[in-house]
Every structure is written in C-alpha cells, then in structure tokens.
Amino acid sequence: MTDFRTLLAEIRRPRLLMRAARLGLCDYRRERDLRRLVGEQQAERAVTRLLAEEQRLEDRRRAGDATYSVAHHVEVLIALMAEVRLIGAI
C-alpha cells in the first residue's frame, strides 16, 4: 500500500495555493466533486489519478501555460487532501 500521506506532505506548492485548498476542504462533497474530477469512487485509485492530474497542472503552472486554471488546481488539491484523509480514516 502506498503511503499517500507522505506523498502529500512532500508536495511543494505556493503557499497561497495550498492555503486555498485547505480552506476549501470544508466544502468538499465526495459524491459531487470526485466524480467530476476523476470519475473514480474507490479511494486509493482516486488518489492515484488525482496525484497524476495535480502533477500535470503543476507542470502547466510552472510552464506559464495559458490554459492553466488555478481554480481547477485548487479543486484537485482539495479532493486530494480529502481523499488522503479518508484513506487514513479507513
């Protein structure tokens, strides 16, 4: 089993981006948000997909890609944090 908490702790992103994600955790609704973001309901597979999507967004952010969406990046980080918490609670 992958230690997703360690992977999440090692993510280095701008402070404002991470703070926005932490503040958004209280509004996260798994049934609504997870399906829209990755279409996967099984927690470990969802986290794997969210990690890949988050890395893709980070690469676009760093490259200055005009199609980068900070709102989408925050949504993915919120879902990632929430799902890692869920795995820890299981």
N, C-alpha and C. Protein backbone atom coordinates (compact mmCIF):
# COMPACT_ATOMS: atom_id res chain seq x y z
N MET A 1 0.83 -1.19 0.00
CA MET A 1 0.00 0.00 0.00
C MET A 1 0.87 1.25 0.00
N THR A 2 0.54 2.16 -0.84
CA THR A 2 1.29 3.40 -0.95
C THR A 2 0.98 4.31 0.23
N ASP A 3 2.00 4.99 0.73
CA ASP A 3 1.80 5.95 1.82
C ASP A 3 1.46 7.31 1.22
N PHE A 4 0.17 7.52 1.01
CA PHE A 4 -0.29 8.74 0.36
C PHE A 4 -0.07 9.98 1.24
N ARG A 5 -0.10 9.80 2.54
CA ARG A 5 0.13 10.95 3.44
C ARG A 5 1.54 11.50 3.24
N THR A 6 2.51 10.62 3.08
CA THR A 6 3.88 11.06 2.85
C THR A 6 3.99 11.76 1.50
N LEU A 7 3.37 11.18 0.48
CA LEU A 7 3.39 11.82 -0.84
C LEU A 7 2.78 13.21 -0.79
N LEU A 8 1.67 13.34 -0.10
CA LEU A 8 1.00 14.63 0.01
C LEU A 8 1.86 15.63 0.79
N ALA A 9 2.51 15.17 1.85
CA ALA A 9 3.36 16.04 2.66
C ALA A 9 4.57 16.54 1.88
N GLU A 10 5.00 15.77 0.89
CA GLU A 10 6.19 16.14 0.11
C GLU A 10 5.88 17.08 -1.05
N ILE A 11 4.60 17.32 -1.31
CA ILE A 11 4.23 18.24 -2.40
C ILE A 11 4.64 19.66 -2.00
N ARG A 12 5.40 20.30 -2.83
CA ARG A 12 5.84 21.68 -2.60
C ARG A 12 5.17 22.58 -3.63
N ARG A 13 4.23 23.37 -3.14
CA ARG A 13 3.47 24.28 -4.00
C ARG A 13 3.44 25.64 -3.33
N PRO A 14 3.08 26.68 -4.09
CA PRO A 14 2.98 28.01 -3.48
C PRO A 14 2.05 28.00 -2.26
N ARG A 15 2.44 28.74 -1.25
CA ARG A 15 1.69 28.77 0.00
C ARG A 15 0.23 29.16 -0.20
N LEU A 16 -0.02 30.13 -1.06
CA LEU A 16 -1.38 30.59 -1.29
C LEU A 16 -2.25 29.49 -1.92
N LEU A 17 -1.67 28.73 -2.83
CA LEU A 17 -2.39 27.63 -3.47
C LEU A 17 -2.78 26.56 -2.43
N MET A 18 -1.84 26.20 -1.58
CA MET A 18 -2.11 25.19 -0.55
C MET A 18 -3.09 25.71 0.50
N ARG A 19 -2.97 26.98 0.84
CA ARG A 19 -3.89 27.55 1.83
C ARG A 19 -5.32 27.57 1.29
N ALA A 20 -5.47 27.95 0.03
CA ALA A 20 -6.80 27.95 -0.60
C ALA A 20 -7.39 26.54 -0.57
N ALA A 21 -6.57 25.55 -0.84
CA ALA A 21 -7.06 24.16 -0.83
C ALA A 21 -7.47 23.74 0.58
N ARG A 22 -6.67 24.08 1.57
CA ARG A 22 -7.03 23.72 2.95
C ARG A 22 -8.33 24.39 3.38
N LEU A 23 -8.52 25.64 2.98
CA LEU A 23 -9.75 26.35 3.34
C LEU A 23 -10.96 25.76 2.62
N GLY A 24 -10.75 25.19 1.45
CA GLY A 24 -11.84 24.61 0.69
C GLY A 24 -12.26 23.23 1.13
N LEU A 25 -11.48 22.61 2.00
CA LEU A 25 -11.80 21.25 2.46
C LEU A 25 -13.19 21.15 3.10
N CYS A 26 -13.61 22.19 3.79
CA CYS A 26 -14.91 22.13 4.48
C CYS A 26 -16.08 22.07 3.50
N ASP A 27 -15.87 22.49 2.26
CA ASP A 27 -16.94 22.46 1.25
C ASP A 27 -16.86 21.26 0.33
N TYR A 28 -15.88 20.39 0.53
CA TYR A 28 -15.71 19.22 -0.34
C TYR A 28 -16.84 18.24 -0.13
N ARG A 29 -17.45 17.83 -1.23
CA ARG A 29 -18.51 16.82 -1.22
C ARG A 29 -18.08 15.70 -2.16
N ARG A 30 -17.71 14.59 -1.58
CA ARG A 30 -17.14 13.47 -2.32
C ARG A 30 -18.01 13.03 -3.49
N GLU A 31 -19.31 12.84 -3.24
CA GLU A 31 -20.22 12.34 -4.28
C GLU A 31 -20.26 13.28 -5.48
N ARG A 32 -20.21 14.55 -5.23
CA ARG A 32 -20.30 15.55 -6.29
C ARG A 32 -18.93 15.80 -6.94
N ASP A 33 -17.94 16.09 -6.13
CA ASP A 33 -16.66 16.58 -6.63
C ASP A 33 -15.76 15.50 -7.21
N LEU A 34 -15.69 14.35 -6.56
CA LEU A 34 -14.78 13.31 -7.02
C LEU A 34 -15.18 12.77 -8.39
N ARG A 35 -16.46 12.55 -8.58
CA ARG A 35 -16.94 12.05 -9.88
C ARG A 35 -16.60 13.03 -11.00
N ARG A 36 -16.76 14.32 -10.72
CA ARG A 36 -16.48 15.34 -11.73
C ARG A 36 -14.98 15.44 -12.05
N LEU A 37 -14.15 15.26 -11.05
CA LEU A 37 -12.71 15.43 -11.24
C LEU A 37 -12.03 14.22 -11.85
N VAL A 38 -12.35 13.02 -11.37
CA VAL A 38 -11.64 11.83 -11.86
C VAL A 38 -12.55 10.68 -12.25
N GLY A 39 -13.82 10.75 -11.90
CA GLY A 39 -14.74 9.68 -12.27
C GLY A 39 -14.50 8.36 -11.56
N GLU A 40 -13.79 8.39 -10.48
CA GLU A 40 -13.44 7.17 -9.74
C GLU A 40 -13.92 7.31 -8.31
N GLN A 41 -14.53 6.27 -7.78
CA GLN A 41 -15.04 6.33 -6.41
C GLN A 41 -14.19 5.55 -5.41
N GLN A 42 -13.37 4.63 -5.86
CA GLN A 42 -12.52 3.86 -4.96
C GLN A 42 -11.37 4.77 -4.52
N ALA A 43 -11.20 4.97 -3.23
CA ALA A 43 -10.31 6.00 -2.68
C ALA A 43 -8.87 5.90 -3.17
N GLU A 44 -8.27 4.74 -3.12
CA GLU A 44 -6.85 4.64 -3.49
C GLU A 44 -6.64 4.91 -4.98
N ARG A 45 -7.51 4.39 -5.83
CA ARG A 45 -7.39 4.67 -7.27
C ARG A 45 -7.65 6.15 -7.55
N ALA A 46 -8.59 6.73 -6.82
CA ALA A 46 -8.89 8.15 -6.99
C ALA A 46 -7.68 9.00 -6.63
N VAL A 47 -7.01 8.66 -5.54
CA VAL A 47 -5.82 9.42 -5.13
C VAL A 47 -4.72 9.30 -6.18
N THR A 48 -4.54 8.12 -6.73
CA THR A 48 -3.53 7.94 -7.78
C THR A 48 -3.83 8.84 -8.97
N ARG A 49 -5.09 8.87 -9.39
CA ARG A 49 -5.48 9.72 -10.51
C ARG A 49 -5.36 11.20 -10.16
N LEU A 50 -5.74 11.56 -8.94
CA LEU A 50 -5.64 12.95 -8.52
C LEU A 50 -4.18 13.41 -8.46
N LEU A 51 -3.29 12.54 -7.99
CA LEU A 51 -1.86 12.88 -7.97
C LEU A 51 -1.34 13.14 -9.38
N ALA A 52 -1.74 12.31 -10.33
CA ALA A 52 -1.30 12.49 -11.71
C ALA A 52 -1.85 13.80 -12.29
N GLU A 53 -3.12 14.07 -12.02
CA GLU A 53 -3.74 15.31 -12.51
C GLU A 53 -3.09 16.53 -11.87
N GLU A 54 -2.81 16.44 -10.57
CA GLU A 54 -2.18 17.57 -9.88
C GLU A 54 -0.79 17.83 -10.45
N GLN A 55 -0.04 16.79 -10.75
CA GLN A 55 1.29 16.98 -11.32
C GLN A 55 1.21 17.61 -12.71
N ARG A 56 0.22 17.19 -13.49
CA ARG A 56 0.02 17.78 -14.82
C ARG A 56 -0.31 19.27 -14.69
N LEU A 57 -1.15 19.62 -13.74
CA LEU A 57 -1.50 21.02 -13.52
C LEU A 57 -0.29 21.82 -13.04
N GLU A 58 0.51 21.23 -12.16
CA GLU A 58 1.71 21.91 -11.67
C GLU A 58 2.69 22.16 -12.81
N ASP A 59 2.85 21.19 -13.69
CA ASP A 59 3.73 21.38 -14.84
C ASP A 59 3.24 22.52 -15.72
N ARG A 60 1.93 22.59 -15.94
CA ARG A 60 1.36 23.68 -16.74
C ARG A 60 1.53 25.02 -16.05
N ARG A 61 1.36 25.04 -14.73
CA ARG A 61 1.54 26.29 -13.97
C ARG A 61 2.97 26.80 -14.10
N ARG A 62 3.92 25.91 -13.89
CA ARG A 62 5.33 26.30 -13.97
C ARG A 62 5.76 26.74 -15.37
N ALA A 63 5.13 26.14 -16.38
CA ALA A 63 5.47 26.48 -17.76
C ALA A 63 4.81 27.79 -18.20
N GLY A 64 3.88 28.30 -17.39
CA GLY A 64 3.18 29.52 -17.77
C GLY A 64 2.15 29.29 -18.86
N ASP A 65 1.66 28.07 -18.95
CA ASP A 65 0.67 27.69 -19.97
C ASP A 65 -0.58 28.55 -19.83
N ALA A 66 -1.04 29.12 -20.93
CA ALA A 66 -2.22 29.99 -20.91
C ALA A 66 -3.49 29.24 -20.57
N THR A 67 -3.50 27.93 -20.73
CA THR A 67 -4.71 27.15 -20.42
C THR A 67 -4.75 26.69 -18.96
N TYR A 68 -3.73 27.02 -18.19
CA TYR A 68 -3.70 26.63 -16.78
C TYR A 68 -4.83 27.33 -16.02
N SER A 69 -5.52 26.56 -15.18
CA SER A 69 -6.61 27.10 -14.36
C SER A 69 -6.27 26.92 -12.88
N VAL A 70 -6.05 28.04 -12.20
CA VAL A 70 -5.76 27.96 -10.77
C VAL A 70 -6.96 27.41 -10.01
N ALA A 71 -8.16 27.72 -10.45
CA ALA A 71 -9.37 27.21 -9.78
C ALA A 71 -9.42 25.68 -9.86
N HIS A 72 -9.11 25.14 -11.04
CA HIS A 72 -9.11 23.68 -11.19
C HIS A 72 -8.01 23.06 -10.34
N HIS A 73 -6.86 23.71 -10.29
CA HIS A 73 -5.75 23.20 -9.49
C HIS A 73 -6.16 23.13 -8.01
N VAL A 74 -6.82 24.17 -7.52
CA VAL A 74 -7.28 24.18 -6.13
C VAL A 74 -8.30 23.07 -5.91
N GLU A 75 -9.22 22.88 -6.85
CA GLU A 75 -10.22 21.80 -6.72
C GLU A 75 -9.55 20.43 -6.62
N VAL A 76 -8.54 20.21 -7.44
CA VAL A 76 -7.83 18.93 -7.42
C VAL A 76 -7.09 18.75 -6.09
N LEU A 77 -6.46 19.81 -5.61
CA LEU A 77 -5.76 19.72 -4.32
C LEU A 77 -6.73 19.46 -3.17
N ILE A 78 -7.90 20.10 -3.20
CA ILE A 78 -8.91 19.86 -2.17
C ILE A 78 -9.30 18.39 -2.17
N ALA A 79 -9.62 17.86 -3.34
CA ALA A 79 -10.03 16.46 -3.45
C ALA A 79 -8.90 15.54 -3.00
N LEU A 80 -7.69 15.85 -3.38
CA LEU A 80 -6.54 15.04 -3.00
C LEU A 80 -6.38 15.00 -1.48
N MET A 81 -6.44 16.15 -0.84
CA MET A 81 -6.32 16.20 0.62
C MET A 81 -7.45 15.44 1.31
N ALA A 82 -8.66 15.62 0.82
CA ALA A 82 -9.82 14.95 1.42
C ALA A 82 -9.74 13.44 1.26
N GLU A 83 -9.34 12.98 0.09
CA GLU A 83 -9.27 11.54 -0.15
C GLU A 83 -8.14 10.89 0.65
N VAL A 84 -7.03 11.58 0.81
CA VAL A 84 -5.94 11.04 1.64
C VAL A 84 -6.41 10.94 3.09
N ARG A 85 -7.16 11.92 3.55
CA ARG A 85 -7.72 11.85 4.91
C ARG A 85 -8.66 10.66 5.04
N LEU A 86 -9.47 10.43 4.01
CA LEU A 86 -10.42 9.31 4.03
C LEU A 86 -9.68 7.97 4.13
N ILE A 87 -8.62 7.82 3.35
CA ILE A 87 -7.83 6.58 3.40
C ILE A 87 -7.24 6.39 4.79
N GLY A 88 -6.79 7.48 5.40
CA GLY A 88 -6.23 7.40 6.75
C GLY A 88 -7.26 7.02 7.79
N ALA A 89 -8.52 7.33 7.52
CA ALA A 89 -9.59 7.05 8.48
C ALA A 89 -10.15 5.64 8.33
N ILE A 90 -9.85 4.99 7.21
CA ILE A 90 -10.39 3.65 6.95
C ILE A 90 -9.65 2.62 7.78
